[in-house]
Protein backbone atom coordinates (compact mmCIF):
# COMPACT_ATOMS: atom_id res chain seq x y z
CA MET A 1 14.68 -21.95 13.32
CA ASP A 2 15.31 -19.78 10.29
CA PRO A 3 14.69 -21.97 7.21
CA ILE A 4 16.25 -19.47 4.79
CA LEU A 5 19.47 -19.35 6.80
CA ILE A 6 19.51 -23.14 7.04
CA PHE A 7 18.91 -23.68 3.33
CA LYS A 8 21.65 -21.17 2.49
CA ALA A 9 24.03 -23.09 4.75
CA LEU A 10 23.06 -26.35 3.05
CA SER A 11 23.51 -24.95 -0.46
CA ASN A 12 27.22 -25.80 -0.56
CA GLU A 13 28.55 -29.29 -1.28
CA THR A 14 31.39 -29.06 1.24
CA ARG A 15 29.12 -27.87 4.04
CA LEU A 16 26.78 -30.79 3.30
CA GLN A 17 29.77 -33.12 3.32
CA ILE A 18 30.87 -31.78 6.71
CA LEU A 19 27.44 -32.56 8.17
CA HIS A 20 27.65 -36.04 6.63
CA TRP A 21 31.09 -36.67 8.13
CA LEU A 22 29.97 -35.44 11.55
CA LYS A 23 27.06 -37.88 11.53
CA GLU A 24 29.59 -40.70 12.02
CA PRO A 25 32.78 -38.98 13.16
CA GLU A 26 34.51 -42.18 14.23
CA LYS A 27 34.23 -43.40 10.62
CA TYR A 28 35.65 -40.28 8.95
CA PHE A 29 38.10 -38.75 11.44
CA PRO A 30 41.09 -40.04 13.41
CA SER A 31 40.84 -40.50 17.16
CA GLN A 32 41.66 -37.37 19.11
CA GLU A 33 43.19 -36.60 22.45
CA GLY A 34 40.32 -34.30 23.47
CA GLY A 35 37.88 -37.18 23.95
CA ASP A 36 35.02 -38.97 22.29
CA SER A 37 34.13 -37.30 19.00
CA LYS A 38 30.44 -38.24 19.43
CA LYS A 39 30.29 -36.39 22.76
CA ILE A 40 32.51 -33.34 22.31
CA GLY A 41 32.73 -33.14 18.54
CA VAL A 42 35.59 -33.15 16.06
CA CYS A 43 38.54 -30.79 16.24
CA VAL A 44 38.42 -28.11 13.57
CA SER A 45 41.90 -29.11 12.37
CA HIS A 46 40.65 -32.62 11.55
CA ILE A 47 37.70 -31.18 9.61
CA GLN A 48 40.00 -28.82 7.73
CA GLU A 49 42.39 -31.64 6.84
CA LYS A 50 39.53 -33.90 5.64
CA ALA A 51 37.99 -31.12 3.54
CA GLY A 52 41.33 -30.27 1.96
CA LEU A 53 40.55 -26.57 2.05
CA SER A 54 42.23 -23.63 3.74
CA GLN A 55 41.68 -23.10 7.44
CA SER A 56 39.92 -19.79 6.78
CA THR A 57 37.47 -21.34 4.29
CA VAL A 58 36.62 -24.22 6.60
CA SER A 59 36.20 -21.82 9.53
CA GLN A 60 33.75 -19.75 7.49
CA TYR A 61 31.82 -22.88 6.51
CA LEU A 62 31.65 -24.05 10.12
CA LEU A 63 30.55 -20.62 11.29
CA MET A 64 27.77 -20.55 8.71
CA LEU A 65 26.55 -24.00 9.82
CA GLN A 66 26.76 -22.91 13.44
CA ARG A 67 24.80 -19.69 12.82
CA ALA A 68 22.14 -21.74 11.05
CA GLY A 69 21.89 -23.82 14.22
CA LEU A 70 23.08 -27.04 12.58
CA LEU A 71 26.31 -27.37 14.57
CA GLU A 72 27.19 -27.16 18.23
CA VAL A 73 30.57 -25.85 19.32
CA ASN A 74 32.68 -26.90 22.30
CA ARG A 75 35.86 -25.07 23.22
CA TYR A 76 38.51 -26.64 25.42
CA GLY A 77 41.52 -24.42 25.91
CA GLN A 78 42.85 -23.52 22.48
CA TRP A 79 40.91 -26.29 20.71
CA THR A 80 37.50 -25.96 19.10
CA TYR A 81 35.30 -28.99 18.46
CA TYR A 82 32.19 -29.24 16.29
CA LYS A 83 29.32 -31.70 16.33
CA ARG A 84 25.92 -31.90 14.72
CA ASN A 85 22.94 -30.34 16.46
CA GLU A 86 20.66 -33.35 16.15
CA ALA A 87 17.67 -31.54 17.67
CA ALA A 88 17.90 -28.80 15.02
CA LEU A 89 18.22 -31.38 12.24
CA GLN A 90 15.10 -33.15 13.52
CA GLN A 91 13.29 -29.82 13.62
CA LEU A 92 14.36 -29.15 10.02
CA SER A 93 13.11 -32.58 9.00
CA ALA A 94 9.73 -31.87 10.60
CA TYR A 95 9.58 -28.48 8.88
CA ILE A 96 10.21 -30.04 5.48
CA ARG A 97 7.71 -32.83 6.12
CA ASN A 98 4.96 -30.51 7.37
CA GLN A 99 5.50 -27.25 5.47
CA LEU A 100 6.95 -28.12 2.08
């Protein structure tokens, strides 16, 4: 865990919002053909549509969250799905509780 990288990733309102939406994907995103959004994640196109930003901007945001370890990525054919890395978020919570 790299706390600086994580805090940089969390320093943007939209990236925080994406993590919030992915906490309860069934509440914020439409159902998808690829499967259960809790298990495989949410298709990047759904995230981009919800954020209302360009595909390139959303892709950069998702990549930053992924590099910080806060998102997991699943690829099925041409589709990419993102979900929260709950273990990393728990580790971050412990770090904040114990170190800060």
